């Protein structure tokens, strides 16, 4: 069987990583008809947009994409392509496995195998914002102070406002996905993270929904909840106690990077964005433009994201063979990029392409 998959090459080091991941997937023997598309700063120069219609149309057709990193300007410039794609295709679940592989340098000698489940469409990341000093912002400021028991104490013309929408339906679909993932993947516990002690009508609604959904899985999947600040401490002190962790959007973004740090960093952290009938798989790190074209950056995160894609396509054997090959190359420590060496200046470090070659040889 052949599968149609969109390959978004990204910018910065994205094209190099996309090539490495594509070759590794092809080496599994699974037949992929790749529709190669562009997004990011590079294509904006010619297309006038960082996300061309051709790329969107391709994802609409294939319903499955492997996406290389794309630069997001800080503070100015175009909106995040990642957020744009998630909202465009209703990708409500961001899945980020954080698994410790032998040979990766970390500060932990305990096994870590955590899956972060981040709600992807609501919360402060919905982007409902009002700039300081604008007439609409001042109207909203006055309305809030009139209707709310708690007042905004800063000046009305110097205050920016972001809205934090959290709905029952948005929370439930992510939480139910987390429990179903736990059932289907032999996991034993779901931990819901919140700040319901302070934000009682948003995070409180999330927590109440989590408790209600958990009742449907009683006796099959253990459930607990943690306040987000305590959860950060828990992950650093005893990460081995956690399994599937479900969070609203903002906390999920922050804790997914924390969890990646437990297992060696973003270079080994894959990601998936899942919707009702569409999925996009991506590395969790950025585009590292200063390394573009240098054949230097670690391809592991995007290759492991391709593993998640193969599992999504139900190609379990191919996914397992590819993941095992990645793990074997990392454990050997010979054909790995500079960041995975004990000494980052080790002259035996290989490039992006050469590490992918080693993984392909392992599968053979």
Foldseek 3Di string as FASTA:
>chain_A
DEAEEEEEQADQQSVLLSVLLVVLLVLLVHHYDYDYDYAEDVCCVPQVHRQDPVSVVSCVVRLHYQYEFYDDDPPDDDHDPVLVVCVVFVLQWKKKWAWAFAQFDAPDPDGFTEIEIEGRCFFLSVVAKDDAQDPVQLVVLVVCCVPDPDHDDDDSRGDMDTDGDADLVSLLVSLLVLVVCCQVVVHAEEEEEFQCVVVVPHRVSSVVSNVVSVVVCPPRHHYYYDYLVVVLVCCVPPNVVHYYYYYYHPSSLVVSQSSNNRRRGQLQMWMKRHRPRHIYTYRSDHSNNVCGPVLAGRSNRSSLSVLVVCVVVVVPVSSVLLVVLLSVLSNVVQAAGLSSDPHSPPPSYGGRNSSSVSSSVSSD
